[in-house]
N, C-alpha and C. Protein backbone atom coordinates (compact mmCIF):
# COMPACT_ATOMS: atom_id res chain seq x y z
N MET A 1 10.34 -53.22 -94.16
CA MET A 1 11.41 -52.63 -94.95
C MET A 1 11.55 -51.14 -94.65
N LYS A 2 10.42 -50.47 -94.48
CA LYS A 2 10.44 -49.04 -94.19
C LYS A 2 11.13 -48.78 -92.85
N LYS A 3 10.91 -49.67 -91.89
CA LYS A 3 11.52 -49.52 -90.57
C LYS A 3 13.04 -49.66 -90.64
N VAL A 4 13.52 -50.60 -91.43
CA VAL A 4 14.95 -50.81 -91.60
C VAL A 4 15.59 -49.58 -92.24
N PHE A 5 14.94 -49.03 -93.23
CA PHE A 5 15.45 -47.84 -93.89
C PHE A 5 15.53 -46.66 -92.92
N THR A 6 14.52 -46.50 -92.09
CA THR A 6 14.49 -45.42 -91.11
C THR A 6 15.62 -45.56 -90.11
N VAL A 7 15.83 -46.77 -89.60
CA VAL A 7 16.90 -47.01 -88.63
C VAL A 7 18.26 -46.73 -89.27
N LEU A 8 18.45 -47.18 -90.49
CA LEU A 8 19.71 -46.94 -91.20
C LEU A 8 19.95 -45.44 -91.39
N LEU A 9 18.93 -44.72 -91.76
CA LEU A 9 19.04 -43.28 -91.95
C LEU A 9 19.43 -42.57 -90.65
N VAL A 10 18.83 -42.97 -89.54
CA VAL A 10 19.15 -42.37 -88.25
C VAL A 10 20.60 -42.67 -87.87
N LEU A 11 21.05 -43.88 -88.06
CA LEU A 11 22.42 -44.25 -87.72
C LEU A 11 23.43 -43.49 -88.56
N LEU A 12 23.15 -43.31 -89.82
CA LEU A 12 24.05 -42.55 -90.69
C LEU A 12 24.09 -41.08 -90.29
N SER A 13 22.97 -40.55 -89.88
CA SER A 13 22.91 -39.15 -89.44
C SER A 13 23.72 -38.95 -88.18
N LEU A 14 23.63 -39.87 -87.24
CA LEU A 14 24.38 -39.76 -86.00
C LEU A 14 25.88 -39.86 -86.25
N GLY A 15 26.28 -40.67 -87.18
CA GLY A 15 27.70 -40.81 -87.51
C GLY A 15 28.28 -39.53 -88.06
N SER A 16 27.54 -38.83 -88.86
CA SER A 16 28.03 -37.58 -89.42
C SER A 16 28.10 -36.48 -88.37
N VAL A 17 27.22 -36.53 -87.39
CA VAL A 17 27.24 -35.53 -86.32
C VAL A 17 28.48 -35.71 -85.46
N THR A 18 28.82 -36.94 -85.11
CA THR A 18 29.98 -37.16 -84.26
C THR A 18 31.27 -36.87 -85.01
N GLN A 19 31.31 -37.10 -86.30
CA GLN A 19 32.51 -36.81 -87.08
C GLN A 19 32.73 -35.31 -87.24
N ALA A 20 31.67 -34.53 -87.17
CA ALA A 20 31.81 -33.08 -87.31
C ALA A 20 32.62 -32.50 -86.16
N TYR A 21 32.61 -33.17 -85.02
CA TYR A 21 33.33 -32.69 -83.85
C TYR A 21 34.65 -33.40 -83.63
N ALA A 22 35.08 -34.25 -84.52
CA ALA A 22 36.33 -34.97 -84.33
C ALA A 22 37.49 -33.98 -84.25
N GLY A 23 38.26 -34.07 -83.18
CA GLY A 23 39.41 -33.21 -83.01
C GLY A 23 39.15 -31.95 -82.22
N SER A 24 37.90 -31.73 -81.80
CA SER A 24 37.61 -30.49 -81.08
C SER A 24 37.67 -30.62 -79.56
N CYS A 25 37.65 -31.82 -79.02
CA CYS A 25 37.76 -32.08 -77.57
C CYS A 25 36.74 -31.32 -76.73
N GLN A 26 35.50 -31.45 -77.08
CA GLN A 26 34.43 -30.85 -76.28
C GLN A 26 34.25 -31.62 -74.97
N HIS A 27 34.28 -32.96 -75.02
CA HIS A 27 34.04 -33.80 -73.84
C HIS A 27 35.25 -34.70 -73.58
N ASP A 28 35.36 -35.20 -72.35
CA ASP A 28 36.47 -36.08 -71.97
C ASP A 28 36.58 -37.31 -72.85
N SER A 29 35.45 -37.84 -73.27
CA SER A 29 35.44 -39.09 -74.04
C SER A 29 35.64 -38.89 -75.54
N ASP A 30 35.75 -37.66 -76.00
CA ASP A 30 35.96 -37.38 -77.43
C ASP A 30 37.35 -37.82 -77.89
N THR A 31 37.51 -37.89 -79.19
CA THR A 31 38.80 -38.27 -79.77
C THR A 31 39.46 -37.03 -80.37
N ALA A 32 40.72 -36.83 -80.06
CA ALA A 32 41.48 -35.70 -80.58
C ALA A 32 41.84 -35.95 -82.05
N ALA A 33 42.34 -34.94 -82.71
CA ALA A 33 42.70 -35.05 -84.12
C ALA A 33 43.76 -36.11 -84.37
N ASP A 34 44.64 -36.35 -83.37
CA ASP A 34 45.68 -37.37 -83.54
C ASP A 34 45.22 -38.78 -83.19
N GLY A 35 43.92 -38.93 -82.84
CA GLY A 35 43.36 -40.24 -82.55
C GLY A 35 43.36 -40.62 -81.08
N SER A 36 43.98 -39.81 -80.23
CA SER A 36 44.01 -40.10 -78.79
C SER A 36 42.73 -39.59 -78.12
N ARG A 37 42.49 -40.07 -76.91
CA ARG A 37 41.34 -39.58 -76.14
C ARG A 37 41.66 -38.20 -75.57
N CYS A 38 40.69 -37.33 -75.51
CA CYS A 38 40.90 -35.97 -75.04
C CYS A 38 41.16 -35.90 -73.53
N GLY A 39 40.38 -36.61 -72.74
CA GLY A 39 40.57 -36.62 -71.30
C GLY A 39 40.61 -35.22 -70.69
N GLY A 40 41.67 -34.90 -69.96
CA GLY A 40 41.80 -33.62 -69.27
C GLY A 40 42.01 -32.44 -70.18
N ARG A 41 42.22 -32.68 -71.47
CA ARG A 41 42.40 -31.58 -72.42
C ARG A 41 41.07 -31.03 -72.93
N SER A 42 39.97 -31.69 -72.60
CA SER A 42 38.67 -31.29 -73.14
C SER A 42 38.18 -29.99 -72.54
N ALA A 43 37.26 -29.36 -73.24
CA ALA A 43 36.68 -28.10 -72.77
C ALA A 43 35.91 -28.30 -71.47
N ASP A 44 35.25 -29.46 -71.32
CA ASP A 44 34.50 -29.75 -70.10
C ASP A 44 35.39 -29.84 -68.88
N SER A 45 36.66 -30.17 -69.06
CA SER A 45 37.60 -30.34 -67.95
C SER A 45 38.28 -29.04 -67.54
N ARG A 46 38.11 -28.01 -68.34
CA ARG A 46 38.82 -26.75 -68.09
C ARG A 46 37.86 -25.71 -67.49
N PRO A 47 38.38 -24.86 -66.63
CA PRO A 47 37.54 -23.79 -66.07
C PRO A 47 37.04 -22.87 -67.19
N GLY A 48 35.75 -22.63 -67.20
CA GLY A 48 35.17 -21.76 -68.22
C GLY A 48 35.00 -22.44 -69.56
N GLY A 49 35.24 -23.77 -69.61
CA GLY A 49 35.10 -24.50 -70.88
C GLY A 49 33.66 -24.49 -71.36
N ARG A 50 33.49 -24.76 -72.63
CA ARG A 50 32.17 -24.72 -73.23
C ARG A 50 31.25 -25.53 -72.42
């Protein structure tokens, strides 16, 4: 039971981390604020990007 609780806690933590960056387009695979994929608009795709 303790193992299940730990796994659930880790999964919930990871979900909140990815939602914190929703709409920021750090990476090509991220989702933009309008729900589309960032692709070439991401910071990683631009010269001098984060």
